[in-house]
Amino acid sequence: MLMGDDDIPPELTERDQWDGWVMARLDDGWCAALDRNTMLCTIYEHRPMICHDYQVGDSDCIEERRLHANASL
């Protein structure tokens, strides 16, 4: 869930089933801010606080990528 001080472009957000604001996901499940060609976040310097738990290349990041890659096959 996004925090009130997260400065995310509105086109990259959506409401979840509990009416909270979250990062939008595309049909394939990937975050709308992810550049599919580079696999890097397009808003990395301004990413939401929740995303600070994931550092590029750490084990959590790699696991999330693996799970989403398998789900989109």
Protein backbone atom coordinates (compact mmCIF):
# COMPACT_ATOMS: atom_id res chain seq x y z
CA MET A 1 0.00 0.00 0.00
CA LEU A 2 1.26 3.46 -0.86
CA MET A 3 1.92 5.98 1.89
CA GLY A 4 0.58 9.53 1.83
CA ASP A 5 4.00 11.04 1.18
CA ASP A 6 4.82 8.71 -1.75
CA ASP A 7 5.07 10.89 -4.87
CA ILE A 8 4.05 8.41 -7.57
CA PRO A 9 2.65 9.43 -10.97
CA PRO A 10 -1.11 8.73 -10.86
CA GLU A 11 -1.00 6.61 -14.03
CA LEU A 12 1.19 4.12 -12.14
CA THR A 13 -1.27 3.67 -9.27
CA GLU A 14 -4.63 1.99 -8.74
CA ARG A 15 -7.04 1.16 -5.92
CA ASP A 16 -6.91 -2.32 -4.43
CA GLN A 17 -9.87 -4.38 -3.18
CA TRP A 18 -9.69 -2.58 0.19
CA ASP A 19 -9.81 0.84 -1.51
CA GLY A 20 -6.15 1.61 -0.73
CA TRP A 21 -3.73 3.05 -3.27
CA VAL A 22 -1.14 0.60 -4.61
CA MET A 23 1.27 0.44 -7.51
CA ALA A 24 -0.55 -0.61 -10.65
CA ARG A 25 0.22 -3.99 -12.15
CA LEU A 26 -0.12 -4.78 -15.80
CA ASP A 27 -1.94 -7.81 -17.20
CA ASP A 28 1.21 -9.92 -16.88
CA GLY A 29 1.51 -9.12 -13.14
CA TRP A 30 4.61 -6.93 -13.35
CA CYS A 31 4.65 -3.49 -11.75
CA ALA A 32 3.64 -0.72 -14.15
CA ALA A 33 6.86 1.17 -13.28
CA LEU A 34 9.13 -1.67 -14.42
CA ASP A 35 10.92 -1.25 -17.75
CA ARG A 36 10.61 -4.73 -19.30
CA ASN A 37 13.66 -4.19 -21.55
CA THR A 38 16.08 -3.37 -18.74
CA MET A 39 14.16 -4.94 -15.83
CA LEU A 40 14.81 -1.74 -13.88
CA CYS A 41 12.36 0.52 -12.08
CA THR A 42 11.59 3.66 -14.07
CA ILE A 43 10.92 5.63 -10.88
CA TYR A 44 13.66 4.08 -8.72
CA GLU A 45 14.81 7.38 -7.19
CA HIS A 46 11.19 8.19 -6.27
CA ARG A 47 9.86 4.67 -5.65
CA PRO A 48 7.31 4.14 -2.87
CA MET A 49 8.49 3.42 0.67
CA ILE A 50 7.29 -0.20 0.41
CA CYS A 51 9.71 -0.73 -2.47
CA HIS A 52 12.67 0.34 -0.34
CA ASP A 53 12.49 -3.15 1.19
CA TYR A 54 13.68 -4.48 -2.18
CA GLN A 55 17.17 -3.61 -3.37
CA VAL A 56 18.10 -4.34 -6.98
CA GLY A 57 19.63 -7.80 -7.16
CA ASP A 58 19.01 -8.85 -3.55
CA SER A 59 17.50 -12.25 -2.82
CA ASP A 60 13.96 -10.88 -2.31
CA CYS A 61 14.11 -9.00 -5.61
CA ILE A 62 15.38 -12.05 -7.48
CA GLU A 63 12.67 -14.25 -5.93
CA GLU A 64 9.90 -11.79 -6.89
CA ARG A 65 11.21 -11.64 -10.45
CA ARG A 66 11.33 -15.44 -10.61
CA LEU A 67 7.77 -15.79 -9.33
CA HIS A 68 6.38 -13.22 -11.76
CA ALA A 69 8.37 -14.59 -14.68
CA ASN A 70 6.94 -18.06 -14.07
CA ALA A 71 3.41 -16.70 -13.64
CA SER A 72 3.54 -14.89 -16.98
CA LEU A 73 4.57 -18.00 -18.95
